[in-house]
Amino acid sequence: MRKRVAIVGAGVGGLATAARLAHKGYEVTVYEKLAHSGGRNNILEDSGFKFDMGPSFVLMPDFFEELFRYCQKDIKDYLTFIALDPGYKIFYPDGTSFTVFKDSQRTKQEMERIEKGSSEAFERLIKAISEIYTQVRPLLYRCFSPVALGNPKYWPLIGRLKIFESYWDFTKRFFRSDKLCYAFTFEAMFVGVSPFETPAFYSIITYADHVQKIYHPLGGMYQIPHALERLATSAGASFRYNCAIRRIRKHNGVFLLSCDQGSFESDAVVVNADYAYAQTDLLGRKIPRFKYSCSVYLIYLGLKKKLTGLAHHNLFFSEDLRKNLSQIFKTKIAPDDSSFYVHVPTVTDPSLSPPGKEILYILVPVPNLDGSSDNFAPFEKKIKDLVFEKINRSAGTRVQDLIETSHAFYPSDFISYYNIKHGATFGLAHNLMQSAFFRPMNYESAMKGLYFVGASTQPGGGLPVVIAGSRIVADLIHNQSD
């Protein structure tokens, strides 16, 4: 009889794990609260517009390729990734901008306009972060316990990975200009933390941006979970949608999963739900006082016509980014002057909107709801007015007059839709004491047969890293079954 594996949650981590295990011959059933797969990698369709609701870009495509090779499939039969050029555009509060191109020589020309000699500093930075990436990449496919720190073979990593240096301080070694330092550390905000607080080894995201480049999946980001569901189904995995698991317990060596439709048995369980939620609500446990990532306020706009002046990816920085980040992560109040991100996928992929029309996806980092008010309404108008003012200035038009359809997604929605504790969009924060050896492990030593995959567990957040986590879990299950 084949070993039964239940996967709770059809996010990217759960889907990738399902595909790997089904390929290995396990009887895999995926249980998902929503009516379709994807989790935070969700889609919203309205009036011919296809809005990606969560992740909006692809980094490290080799991690996706590894998954399909593992399952003995060709990724090209499932997904088409195209490299963006330009990768993204940064708008500074003084009216200047900085464009990152696929061709690094063009990027260096942009940098020289901001700081003379910075192109040489860029080369030194790339060399340094390439060395960090070489050290980090193999670790992304391994699960560590804090006890492993006692192994002398890992001690050299402390120096090599700049563990006690912040992402910001590390970058400041290369550039004098704060403008360029912000341009090379903003990526921290896409794992929900401040570059002033997260360790320097997260500069591997900068490596991905500038060395491996930035990609877009034709048809939109939702093509990723759609492809992974197809991959898992083709290997024999089955899916139960509209099936919210309420409780997980173990009895007589068998796992019992309870939901509104009844109870299901399994020999092993992989939890792809939010880790903190899973521990408290599904397993009925108390959890440590974790630090959580920020939340985000999202606006999805379908516009009547195309815009000019914006790239596929755009970043708008506040006048005082330190203050902006401090308000989000420390004082936990709605920012006075928000930095924000604008995704215009129809620049590259017109299939996502009706002909001649445009999509704007606006992401504003805001405090999570851990100890802060859920009353977002008093701040919404202020944030929207500020965001539109800056976008209008760059696009040379009044965006509000072009809106055909509009939707918003709030911090509290991350709780109600996805069971994300405190609405912390990116899960547990990626600070030093919640990274690598100190991040929750992918297996449960106190309950054999229970595993975890997703942004809040090892190796961390971001689509490619979560996919690496699926390899860890699949290998743990398979090796422990031998």
Protein backbone atom coordinates (compact mmCIF):
# COMPACT_ATOMS: atom_id res chain seq x y z
CA MET A 1 0.00 0.00 0.00
CA ARG A 2 1.33 3.41 -0.99
CA LYS A 3 2.14 5.89 1.76
CA ARG A 4 -0.53 8.58 2.03
CA VAL A 5 0.62 12.21 2.29
CA ALA A 6 -1.83 15.04 2.99
CA ILE A 7 -0.77 18.55 2.02
CA VAL A 8 -2.60 21.37 3.77
CA GLY A 9 -2.62 24.41 1.49
CA ALA A 10 -2.26 24.73 -2.27
CA GLY A 11 0.17 27.61 -2.26
CA VAL A 12 3.32 27.37 -4.36
CA GLY A 13 5.16 25.45 -1.63
CA GLY A 14 2.34 22.93 -1.25
CA LEU A 15 1.94 22.50 -5.00
CA ALA A 16 5.66 21.96 -5.58
CA THR A 17 5.82 19.44 -2.73
CA ALA A 18 2.77 17.63 -4.08
CA ALA A 19 4.36 17.37 -7.53
CA ARG A 20 7.63 15.99 -6.14
CA LEU A 21 5.97 13.42 -3.86
CA ALA A 22 3.42 12.28 -6.45
CA HIS A 23 6.28 11.82 -8.89
CA LYS A 24 7.98 9.60 -6.29
CA GLY A 25 4.89 7.42 -6.09
CA TYR A 26 3.18 8.67 -2.92
CA GLU A 27 -0.61 8.93 -2.66
CA VAL A 28 -0.88 12.71 -2.39
CA THR A 29 -4.01 14.69 -1.54
CA VAL A 30 -3.95 18.48 -1.34
CA TYR A 31 -6.54 20.24 0.85
CA GLU A 32 -7.19 23.89 0.09
CA LYS A 33 -9.46 26.42 1.78
CA LEU A 34 -10.06 28.44 -1.42
CA ALA A 35 -11.78 27.32 -4.60
CA HIS A 36 -8.52 27.16 -6.55
CA SER A 37 -4.77 26.78 -6.12
CA GLY A 38 -2.13 29.46 -5.63
CA GLY A 39 -2.52 30.79 -2.11
CA ARG A 40 -1.09 34.31 -2.06
CA ASN A 41 -0.08 33.78 -5.69
CA ASN A 42 -3.73 34.46 -6.51
CA ILE A 43 -5.61 35.95 -9.44
CA LEU A 44 -8.52 38.38 -9.73
CA GLU A 45 -10.41 38.69 -13.01
CA ASP A 46 -12.75 41.57 -13.78
CA SER A 47 -14.02 43.03 -17.07
CA GLY A 48 -11.27 41.36 -19.10
CA PHE A 49 -8.49 42.43 -16.72
CA LYS A 50 -6.40 39.67 -15.09
CA PHE A 51 -4.83 40.96 -11.90
CA ASP A 52 -2.07 38.99 -10.22
CA MET A 53 -2.86 39.58 -6.55
CA GLY A 54 0.40 38.54 -4.89
CA PRO A 55 3.94 37.89 -6.20
CA SER A 56 4.64 39.96 -9.29
CA PHE A 57 8.07 38.94 -10.58
CA VAL A 58 10.25 35.88 -11.08
CA LEU A 59 13.82 35.68 -9.80
CA MET A 60 16.21 32.71 -9.86
CA PRO A 61 14.50 30.79 -12.69
CA ASP A 62 16.95 27.93 -12.18
CA PHE A 63 15.05 26.98 -9.00
CA PHE A 64 11.88 26.55 -11.06
CA GLU A 65 13.80 24.54 -13.65
CA GLU A 66 15.14 22.22 -10.92
CA LEU A 67 11.59 21.37 -9.82
CA PHE A 68 10.54 20.31 -13.31
CA ARG A 69 13.73 18.30 -13.84
CA TYR A 70 13.05 16.56 -10.50
CA CYS A 71 9.66 15.52 -11.90
CA GLN A 72 11.26 14.57 -15.24
CA LYS A 73 9.38 17.23 -17.15
CA ASP A 74 10.46 20.10 -19.39
CA ILE A 75 9.53 23.45 -17.87
CA LYS A 76 9.04 24.87 -21.37
CA ASP A 77 5.99 22.67 -21.76
CA TYR A 78 4.42 24.45 -18.78
CA LEU A 79 5.82 27.97 -18.45
CA THR A 80 7.38 30.64 -20.65
CA PHE A 81 9.67 33.05 -18.80
CA ILE A 82 10.90 36.17 -20.56
CA ALA A 83 13.68 38.40 -19.23
CA LEU A 84 12.55 41.99 -18.71
CA ASP A 85 14.35 44.96 -20.21
CA PRO A 86 14.39 47.26 -18.40
CA GLY A 87 14.16 45.25 -15.21
CA TYR A 88 12.70 48.12 -13.21
CA LYS A 89 12.69 51.87 -12.76
CA ILE A 90 13.22 53.79 -9.52
CA PHE A 91 11.67 57.23 -8.97
CA TYR A 92 13.33 59.43 -6.33
CA PRO A 93 11.46 62.18 -4.47
CA ASP A 94 13.62 64.90 -6.07
CA GLY A 95 12.19 64.05 -9.49
CA THR A 96 15.16 62.05 -10.76
CA SER A 97 15.04 58.40 -11.71
CA PHE A 98 17.30 55.37 -12.08
CA THR A 99 16.62 52.54 -14.55
CA VAL A 100 18.05 49.05 -14.19
CA PHE A 101 18.55 47.44 -17.58
CA LYS A 102 19.14 43.86 -18.65
CA ASP A 103 22.47 45.09 -20.05
CA SER A 104 24.59 45.96 -17.00
CA GLN A 105 26.65 48.41 -19.07
CA ARG A 106 23.55 50.55 -19.53
CA THR A 107 22.78 50.26 -15.81
CA LYS A 108 26.30 51.48 -14.98
CA GLN A 109 25.79 54.50 -17.22
CA GLU A 110 22.68 55.30 -15.22
CA MET A 111 24.64 54.92 -11.99
CA GLU A 112 27.37 57.32 -13.12
CA ARG A 113 24.74 60.05 -13.48
CA ILE A 114 24.07 59.68 -9.76
CA GLU A 115 27.58 59.05 -8.42
CA LYS A 116 30.85 59.34 -10.32
CA GLY A 117 32.90 56.16 -10.04
CA SER A 118 29.92 54.10 -8.98
CA SER A 119 30.19 51.78 -11.99
CA GLU A 120 33.50 50.47 -10.64
CA ALA A 121 31.93 50.13 -7.19
CA PHE A 122 29.11 48.18 -8.83
CA GLU A 123 31.60 45.65 -10.19
CA ARG A 124 33.09 45.20 -6.72
CA LEU A 125 29.60 44.80 -5.22
CA ILE A 126 28.64 42.17 -7.80
CA LYS A 127 31.85 40.25 -7.06
CA ALA A 128 31.14 40.35 -3.31
CA ILE A 129 27.49 39.29 -3.57
CA SER A 130 28.38 36.58 -6.09
CA GLU A 131 30.66 35.09 -3.45
CA ILE A 132 27.84 35.25 -0.90
CA TYR A 133 25.43 33.63 -3.36
CA THR A 134 27.90 30.80 -4.00
CA GLN A 135 27.94 30.11 -0.24
CA VAL A 136 24.19 30.48 0.30
CA ARG A 137 22.73 28.60 -2.67
CA PRO A 138 23.60 25.04 -1.49
CA LEU A 139 22.23 25.89 1.96
CA LEU A 140 18.81 26.65 0.47
CA TYR A 141 18.31 22.93 -0.12
CA ARG A 142 19.10 21.88 3.45
CA CYS A 143 17.20 21.99 6.74
CA PHE A 144 19.20 22.97 9.81
CA SER A 145 18.52 22.79 13.51
CA PRO A 146 20.03 25.34 15.93
CA VAL A 147 22.15 22.47 17.27
CA ALA A 148 23.96 22.34 13.90
CA LEU A 149 25.63 25.63 14.81
CA GLY A 150 27.82 23.57 17.13
CA ASN A 151 29.36 21.88 14.10
CA PRO A 152 32.72 23.60 13.39
CA LYS A 153 32.29 23.15 9.63
CA TYR A 154 29.62 25.89 9.66
CA TRP A 155 31.61 28.43 11.66
CA PRO A 156 33.42 29.94 8.65
CA LEU A 157 29.99 30.92 7.27
CA ILE A 158 29.69 33.57 9.97
CA GLY A 159 32.35 35.67 8.26
CA ARG A 160 31.62 34.69 4.68
CA LEU A 161 27.92 35.52 4.91
CA LYS A 162 28.37 38.82 6.81
CA ILE A 163 25.91 37.58 9.41
CA PHE A 164 26.40 40.48 11.83
CA GLU A 165 26.36 43.19 9.17
CA SER A 166 23.12 44.70 7.92
CA TYR A 167 22.15 44.70 4.26
CA TRP A 168 22.39 48.51 4.33
CA ASP A 169 25.82 48.69 6.00
CA PHE A 170 27.18 46.10 3.60
CA THR A 171 25.98 48.08 0.57
CA LYS A 172 27.22 51.35 2.06
CA ARG A 173 30.75 49.97 1.77
CA PHE A 174 30.46 50.34 -2.00
CA PHE A 175 28.48 53.54 -2.58
CA ARG A 176 28.62 57.02 -1.07
CA SER A 177 25.22 58.02 -2.41
CA ASP A 178 22.18 57.06 -0.36
CA LYS A 179 20.26 57.00 -3.64
CA LEU A 180 22.30 54.05 -4.87
CA CYS A 181 22.29 52.35 -1.48
CA TYR A 182 18.49 52.48 -1.50
CA ALA A 183 18.48 51.17 -5.07
CA PHE A 184 20.57 48.17 -4.07
CA THR A 185 18.81 47.31 -0.80
CA PHE A 186 15.11 47.96 -1.47
CA GLU A 187 14.76 44.24 -2.23
CA ALA A 188 14.60 43.63 1.53
CA MET A 189 11.14 45.17 1.47
CA PHE A 190 10.02 42.33 -0.83
CA VAL A 191 10.62 39.85 1.98
CA GLY A 192 8.86 42.23 4.37
CA VAL A 193 11.80 43.66 6.34
CA SER A 194 13.93 46.79 6.58
CA PRO A 195 17.40 46.77 4.93
CA PHE A 196 18.66 48.46 8.10
CA GLU A 197 17.76 45.37 10.15
CA THR A 198 18.09 42.32 7.91
CA PRO A 199 21.47 40.53 7.53
CA ALA A 200 23.78 41.24 4.59
CA PHE A 201 23.41 37.75 3.14
CA TYR A 202 19.97 38.76 1.86
CA SER A 203 21.96 40.64 -0.78
CA ILE A 204 21.57 37.43 -2.78
CA ILE A 205 18.35 39.08 -3.97
CA THR A 206 20.47 41.87 -5.45
CA TYR A 207 22.56 39.17 -7.11
CA ALA A 208 19.42 37.68 -8.64
CA ASP A 209 18.28 41.09 -9.91
CA HIS A 210 21.54 42.12 -11.51
CA VAL A 211 23.24 38.87 -12.48
CA GLN A 212 20.42 36.42 -13.21
CA LYS A 213 17.97 39.20 -14.21
CA ILE A 214 14.21 39.58 -13.67
CA TYR A 215 11.62 37.51 -15.50
CA HIS A 216 7.91 37.55 -16.28
CA PRO A 217 5.81 34.43 -17.00
CA LEU A 218 3.73 35.00 -20.11
CA GLY A 219 0.07 34.96 -19.16
CA GLY A 220 0.83 36.43 -15.73
CA MET A 221 2.13 35.20 -12.40
CA TYR A 222 -0.88 32.95 -11.88
CA GLN A 223 0.54 30.73 -14.61
CA ILE A 224 3.01 29.48 -11.98
CA PRO A 225 0.53 27.80 -9.59
CA HIS A 226 -1.52 26.73 -12.59
CA ALA A 227 1.55 24.99 -14.04
CA LEU A 228 2.45 23.40 -10.70
CA GLU A 229 -1.09 22.08 -10.26
CA ARG A 230 -0.90 20.52 -13.73
CA LEU A 231 2.50 19.06 -12.87
CA ALA A 232 1.21 17.54 -9.63
CA THR A 233 -2.02 16.25 -11.21
CA SER A 234 -0.14 14.62 -14.09
CA ALA A 235 1.88 12.68 -11.51
CA GLY A 236 -1.28 11.48 -9.74
CA ALA A 237 -1.91 14.03 -6.97
CA SER A 238 -5.55 14.82 -6.16
CA PHE A 239 -7.02 18.09 -4.92
CA ARG A 240 -9.89 18.94 -2.56
CA TYR A 241 -10.86 22.61 -2.90
CA ASN A 242 -13.23 24.56 -0.64
CA CYS A 243 -11.92 22.29 2.08
CA ALA A 244 -10.51 24.28 4.99
CA ILE A 245 -8.66 22.03 7.43
CA ARG A 246 -9.58 23.07 10.98
CA ARG A 247 -7.49 20.70 13.07
CA ILE A 248 -4.57 18.30 12.76
CA ARG A 249 -3.92 15.59 15.33
CA LYS A 250 -2.27 12.20 15.49
CA HIS A 251 -3.91 9.07 16.88
CA ASN A 252 -2.54 5.53 16.88
CA GLY A 253 0.20 6.50 14.42
CA VAL A 254 -2.23 8.03 11.91
CA PHE A 255 -2.88 11.71 11.24
CA LEU A 256 -6.46 12.92 11.40
CA LEU A 257 -7.35 16.10 9.51
CA SER A 258 -10.68 17.66 10.42
CA CYS A 259 -12.68 19.98 8.19
CA ASP A 260 -16.31 20.95 7.73
CA GLN A 261 -16.84 18.01 5.36
CA GLY A 262 -15.57 15.45 7.85
CA SER A 263 -12.27 13.85 8.82
CA PHE A 264 -9.48 12.47 6.66
CA GLU A 265 -6.65 10.11 7.50
CA SER A 266 -3.06 10.26 6.33
CA ASP A 267 0.31 8.68 7.11
CA ALA A 268 2.15 12.03 6.87
CA VAL A 269 1.15 15.68 6.66
CA VAL A 270 2.86 18.62 4.97
CA VAL A 271 1.55 21.97 6.20
CA ASN A 272 1.74 24.77 3.63
CA ALA A 273 -0.52 27.04 5.67
CA ASP A 274 1.05 30.02 7.44
CA TYR A 275 3.41 28.55 10.06
CA ALA A 276 2.25 30.63 13.04
CA TYR A 277 -1.42 30.02 12.18
CA ALA A 278 -0.76 26.30 11.77
CA GLN A 279 0.89 26.02 15.17
CA THR A 280 -1.84 27.90 17.05
CA ASP A 281 -5.03 27.10 15.15
CA LEU A 282 -4.40 23.74 13.49
CA LEU A 283 -2.21 22.12 16.14
CA GLY A 284 -3.50 23.98 19.22
CA ARG A 285 -0.08 25.02 20.49
CA LYS A 286 1.47 28.08 22.06
CA ILE A 287 4.18 29.72 19.99
CA PRO A 288 7.22 31.88 20.80
CA ARG A 289 7.06 35.64 20.48
CA PHE A 290 8.03 35.74 16.81
CA LYS A 291 8.82 38.88 14.87
CA TYR A 292 6.61 39.29 11.83
CA SER A 293 7.08 40.93 8.45
CA CYS A 294 5.19 44.04 7.48
CA SER A 295 1.82 43.92 5.79
CA VAL A 296 0.84 45.65 2.56
CA TYR A 297 -2.04 47.67 1.19
CA LEU A 298 -2.78 46.69 -2.42
CA ILE A 299 -4.69 48.55 -5.12
CA TYR A 300 -5.60 46.85 -8.40
CA LEU A 301 -6.63 49.19 -11.23
CA GLY A 302 -7.87 48.48 -14.73
CA LEU A 303 -7.27 51.58 -16.86
CA LYS A 304 -9.07 52.65 -20.01
CA LYS A 305 -5.86 53.38 -21.93
CA LYS A 306 -2.10 52.88 -21.88
CA LEU A 307 0.25 55.01 -19.80
CA THR A 308 3.67 56.39 -20.64
CA GLY A 309 6.65 56.93 -18.37
CA LEU A 310 6.33 53.71 -16.36
CA ALA A 311 8.22 50.44 -16.76
CA HIS A 312 6.96 46.92 -16.03
CA HIS A 313 8.24 47.32 -12.43
CA ASN A 314 8.49 50.72 -10.71
CA LEU A 315 9.59 51.86 -7.26
CA PHE A 316 8.76 55.22 -5.71
CA PHE A 317 10.85 56.19 -2.69
CA SER A 318 9.67 58.48 0.11
CA GLU A 319 11.49 61.67 1.11
CA ASP A 320 12.81 59.99 4.24
CA LEU A 321 13.05 56.24 3.77
CA ARG A 322 14.51 55.66 7.24
CA LYS A 323 11.51 57.36 8.82
CA ASN A 324 9.15 55.51 6.46
CA LEU A 325 10.59 52.13 7.49
CA SER A 326 10.72 53.06 11.17
CA GLN A 327 7.02 53.91 11.13
CA ILE A 328 6.22 50.56 9.51
CA PHE A 329 8.42 48.32 11.63
CA LYS A 330 8.96 50.13 14.94
CA THR A 331 6.29 52.67 15.83
CA LYS A 332 3.79 50.74 13.66
CA ILE A 333 1.79 53.65 12.38
CA ALA A 334 0.66 54.36 8.83
CA PRO A 335 3.57 56.13 7.07
CA ASP A 336 3.44 59.89 6.62
CA ASP A 337 5.12 59.57 3.24
CA SER A 338 4.99 56.07 1.78
CA SER A 339 7.46 54.35 -0.46
CA PHE A 340 5.56 52.08 -2.80
CA TYR A 341 5.79 49.76 -5.79
CA VAL A 342 3.83 49.84 -9.05
CA HIS A 343 3.50 46.79 -11.28
CA VAL A 344 2.40 47.42 -14.87
CA PRO A 345 2.49 43.92 -16.38
CA THR A 346 0.66 45.00 -19.53
CA VAL A 347 3.83 46.84 -20.60
CA THR A 348 5.21 43.37 -21.37
CA ASP A 349 2.13 41.17 -21.56
CA PRO A 350 -0.91 42.81 -23.26
CA SER A 351 -2.87 39.55 -22.91
CA LEU A 352 -3.65 40.50 -19.29
CA SER A 353 -6.05 43.31 -20.26
CA PRO A 354 -8.50 44.15 -23.04
CA PRO A 355 -6.79 45.63 -26.13
CA GLY A 356 -5.32 49.09 -25.60
CA LYS A 357 -5.91 49.05 -21.83
CA GLU A 358 -3.57 48.89 -18.84
CA ILE A 359 -3.19 47.24 -15.45
CA LEU A 360 -1.77 49.00 -12.41
CA TYR A 361 -0.97 46.96 -9.31
CA ILE A 362 0.08 49.26 -6.47
CA LEU A 363 1.72 47.85 -3.34
CA VAL A 364 2.25 50.04 -0.27
CA PRO A 365 4.13 48.52 2.71
CA VAL A 366 2.25 49.18 5.97
CA PRO A 367 2.46 47.85 9.55
CA ASN A 368 1.16 44.37 10.29
CA LEU A 369 -1.66 43.95 12.80
CA ASP A 370 0.45 42.55 15.64
CA GLY A 371 -0.29 45.17 18.29
CA SER A 372 -1.52 47.79 15.83
CA SER A 373 -4.99 48.91 14.88
CA ASP A 374 -7.06 47.10 12.26
CA ASN A 375 -8.77 50.40 11.43
CA PHE A 376 -7.20 51.21 8.08
CA ALA A 377 -9.97 53.51 6.83
CA PRO A 378 -8.61 56.79 8.30
CA PHE A 379 -5.31 56.32 6.43
CA GLU A 380 -6.54 55.01 3.11
CA LYS A 381 -7.42 58.33 1.46
CA LYS A 382 -4.16 59.94 2.54
CA ILE A 383 -2.11 57.05 1.14
CA LYS A 384 -4.07 56.93 -2.12
CA ASP A 385 -3.77 60.68 -2.65
CA LEU A 386 -0.01 60.54 -2.14
CA VAL A 387 0.40 57.50 -4.40
CA PHE A 388 -1.65 58.98 -7.22
CA GLU A 389 0.14 62.31 -6.98
CA LYS A 390 3.52 60.63 -7.54
CA ILE A 391 2.30 58.28 -10.27
CA ASN A 392 0.54 61.11 -12.10
CA ARG A 393 3.69 63.19 -12.08
CA SER A 394 5.71 60.36 -13.62
CA ALA A 395 3.04 59.20 -16.10
CA GLY A 396 2.10 62.72 -17.17
CA THR A 397 -1.61 62.10 -16.73
CA ARG A 398 -4.29 61.89 -14.07
CA VAL A 399 -4.63 58.16 -13.46
CA GLN A 400 -7.84 58.59 -11.44
CA ASP A 401 -9.64 59.72 -14.61
CA LEU A 402 -8.67 56.53 -16.45
CA ILE A 403 -9.96 53.96 -13.96
CA GLU A 404 -12.39 51.44 -15.45
CA THR A 405 -12.32 48.96 -12.58
CA SER A 406 -10.78 49.10 -9.12
CA HIS A 407 -10.18 46.71 -6.21
CA ALA A 408 -8.30 46.99 -2.92
CA PHE A 409 -6.77 44.42 -0.57
CA TYR A 410 -6.12 45.28 3.08
CA PRO A 411 -3.92 43.88 5.86
CA SER A 412 -6.97 42.23 7.44
CA ASP A 413 -7.71 40.48 4.13
CA PHE A 414 -4.51 38.47 4.48
CA ILE A 415 -6.04 37.00 7.63
CA SER A 416 -9.50 36.28 6.25
CA TYR A 417 -8.37 35.00 2.82
CA TYR A 418 -5.11 33.23 3.62
CA ASN A 419 -5.01 32.74 7.43
CA ILE A 420 -1.82 34.83 7.67
CA LYS A 421 -1.13 35.60 11.33
CA HIS A 422 -1.42 39.36 12.03
CA GLY A 423 -1.83 39.99 8.29
CA ALA A 424 1.98 39.83 8.00
CA THR A 425 2.08 39.44 4.22
CA PHE A 426 5.52 37.80 4.05
CA GLY A 427 5.16 35.66 7.19
CA LEU A 428 7.87 35.63 9.84
CA ALA A 429 10.39 38.44 9.50
CA HIS A 430 13.77 37.68 7.95
CA ASN A 431 15.92 39.06 10.75
CA LEU A 432 19.09 37.38 12.01
CA MET A 433 17.42 35.33 14.75
CA GLN A 434 14.73 34.08 12.34
CA SER A 435 17.03 33.13 9.47
CA ALA A 436 18.87 29.95 8.51
CA PHE A 437 19.52 27.80 11.63
CA PHE A 438 17.03 29.83 13.69
CA ARG A 439 14.07 29.77 11.29
CA PRO A 440 11.40 27.12 11.99
CA MET A 441 12.49 23.74 10.65
CA ASN A 442 10.72 21.80 7.92
CA TYR A 443 9.98 18.80 10.11
CA GLU A 444 8.44 18.25 13.52
CA SER A 445 10.64 16.25 15.87
CA ALA A 446 7.87 16.00 18.51
CA MET A 447 5.35 14.58 16.03
CA LYS A 448 6.95 12.24 13.53
CA GLY A 449 5.45 12.53 10.07
CA LEU A 450 4.57 16.24 10.32
CA TYR A 451 6.35 18.65 7.94
CA PHE A 452 6.21 22.34 7.06
CA VAL A 453 6.85 24.21 3.82
CA GLY A 454 6.36 27.89 3.02
CA ALA A 455 7.68 31.39 3.52
CA SER A 456 7.91 31.24 7.33
CA THR A 457 9.93 28.03 7.46
CA GLN A 458 13.41 27.19 6.23
CA PRO A 459 14.89 28.22 3.87
CA GLY A 460 12.70 31.38 3.77
CA GLY A 461 10.35 33.49 1.68
CA GLY A 462 10.11 34.26 -2.02
CA LEU A 463 8.87 31.91 -4.75
CA PRO A 464 12.22 30.31 -5.71
CA VAL A 465 13.25 29.82 -2.08
CA VAL A 466 9.90 28.27 -1.18
CA ILE A 467 10.32 25.92 -4.13
CA ALA A 468 13.71 24.95 -2.71
CA GLY A 469 11.89 24.25 0.57
CA SER A 470 9.64 21.81 -1.27
CA ARG A 471 12.74 19.83 -2.25
CA ILE A 472 13.84 19.73 1.41
CA VAL A 473 10.47 18.38 2.53
CA ALA A 474 10.09 15.85 -0.30
CA ASP A 475 13.57 14.50 0.36
CA LEU A 476 12.96 14.30 4.11
CA ILE A 477 9.77 12.30 3.58
CA HIS A 478 11.32 10.02 0.98
CA ASN A 479 14.50 9.38 2.95
CA GLN A 480 12.58 8.70 6.16
CA SER A 481 10.32 6.26 4.29
CA ASP A 482 13.24 4.12 3.15
